[in-house]
Each structure stands twice: as C-alpha cells, then as structure tokens.
C-alpha cells in the first residue's frame, strides 16, 4: 500500500498565507524524507480554513526541496480557469518536475466559489464546464494538427505552425501527467468519468458505505469504454493520527488542530450543505448526533500503531481493496514534532503491520 498526503491545505484563519505555506512545505519535505510517495494540494478561493488558491505555486517551491515524492494539485478546479492557459501552466510545471507531477482536476464543490466566479453549481453547470475544459486541455496535448474548438463556455484554437509562432507547450510526460478526479457522494458521477477515461480515482469522505460504492462507479464508467480499472490506482483519503498509546493519540488529534478544524469548519460546512451523512458510520444515525467527538470515534484512524493498523486493514477489507492511503494533513506548526511523530509512526510502525494483516486477507 502506498502512503501519501492530502493537503486541503487546512489552516486556522489567523495563520498568514506565508506561514501556512511554510508549514505545508515542511510537511511535504518530511514526507519525502520518510518515503511517502505522493502529496496532493487543494485549490480554493473562498474558504479561510483552506486558504491556498494556487497549488501549482506551492508545488514549484516543493520541487526544489524534495527528491522523489510526486506532487499534484488536488485539484485544479476547471470551471475557474481558461483551459488553454491551464494547459500551458500544467505542461510547464511538468517539465520543471521532470516527471514528478500528477494532475488532479475537479468541478468545485463550494457554493461560495461558484458564486464568486458566477457559475451555477446548483444546476450542475460546474460539472459540464469541467468536462468541456478537460476536453480542450487534452485536445491541446494530444492532437498535433491545428483545430478550432467552439464550446458552450470556451473557445480555443490550435494555430497553424508558422515561421515564428506555433503551439509548443506539451507536457514532459507523454501524452500527459497521470490525471485524477475525486468523488465524495455515493454513486459519484466524477468517478464514473474516472473509470471511463482511465483516470486515477480518489475517494474523499468518511462513510465507508459511500466509499465502497465508489469502486462500483469506477467499474461502471470503465465498462462504457472497455477499460479495466486497477484497484492499485484507487486513492482513499482518511484522517489519521498515530501516537504511542490510544490515549495520547486522542489528545493529539481531538484535543488539538484536527479537533478544532472539524468543530469550527468541517462539520459546520457539511451541515450547511445538508450533507453530514458523509460522516455517518450507519445511515440510521440522526443528523443531530454528528459532532467532532462522533467523527473522531467512528471515522478517524486514531490510536496506537496496532489500533490504526486494524482500522486501515478493516477499511481495505470492507471496500474490497485499494492502492494508496492519503493522510489528510493539518496545521500543527505550533507543535510540529507531535504531527511528525504521527507521520513517522504511520510509515515505520503502522504500514508494516497493515501489510502483514493484508497478506492474510483474500480480496
């Protein structure tokens, strides 16, 4: 099983953008030193708790201070970018990375982002825009001949090659960096697209039944195009905190920044969406029961190395297997050694236990 980081990135509103970015870079550097294999960095425009609007700028900095870890925007929100401009930026960054770049794409889930950019998210316009933008980007990268594209939202032209002008910014990786899309809700439409296009599927959220349904979506999409999806490509994000004992882990997570982020931001955000079901371990649980303590008890992988290994192995068995665990990263810049110890224990103590347990599971 691969290990990676998923950075929203999450920071308390009082943290400056500079200080927030320095902590994120420090985490990525430490993950690289430990042997984590990838880090995904989110993009948001109207979320004070997720204050990074340009993950590619952070990636450009992280490339200079890491050696092997793969990096990815997770994700560029396609309705908010002109696809011709973004195709150039991604291709250029791929050259700077010399093959360490992956690309996450999304439609955007925050209604406040939709409103800021004048996108009708309630009708699903954002998903239509995402598909059109991605079509243009892939045409620019894959088609060598000139073309004219007239879409519902963007026009794009691949110009004829002239004496002094031609389209020239193709990715370093051919035909392009690995592409990922994320899913949250059951029967995710974006993960159907992942299966159809052969993209990397990534599951967000905590409800295991929802997550188990995600692979069915991938398989449904794959049937449409005759592809064979691989579970080893499937990424699942989880909240993880490891300490020497269960008690220490609860204090370091629920009693620290993980708990504060859920109490002040994450759970209220999903309440505003009327979507707290993503946190439920059983559908029969009433919405009023969902709070940070509930989420920590039922959804977080928090505890000693043995406790966390059991939780990961249980997830693997219940969803039928997956390839990479992405740990949601939090801002522990005031107590960095606590978070770094958790990262180290996960790699050095938990993962070997998980691999031994999985060797006994026939899935």
Foldseek 3Di string as FASTA:
>chain_A
DAEAAEPLPFDPLVDDPVRSLVLVLVVLLLCLVLPHAEYEYEADDPDSRSPHHDVLVSVLVSLVRHDGHAYEHQAAQQVQDQLVVVLLSQQVSLVSNLQSYAYEYHLDDDVVRCVVRVHDVVVVRSVVSRVVSVVVSLCLLPPDDWDWDDDPRDTDTQDDDDPPDGSDRQHSDPSHHQYEYEAEAALGPVLLVCLQVVGQYEYEFFALVSVLNSVVSSVNSVVVNVHDHDQQSYEYEAAEAADQWLVVQCCVQCVDFVVVCQQPPVVVSCVVVVRCCSQDNDPPDDPVPDHSVSSCVRGHLTTHLVSSLVVVLVSCQSSVHHNYYHHHDYDPVVPVVRRSVRSNCCSPPNVVSNVVVVVPDDD
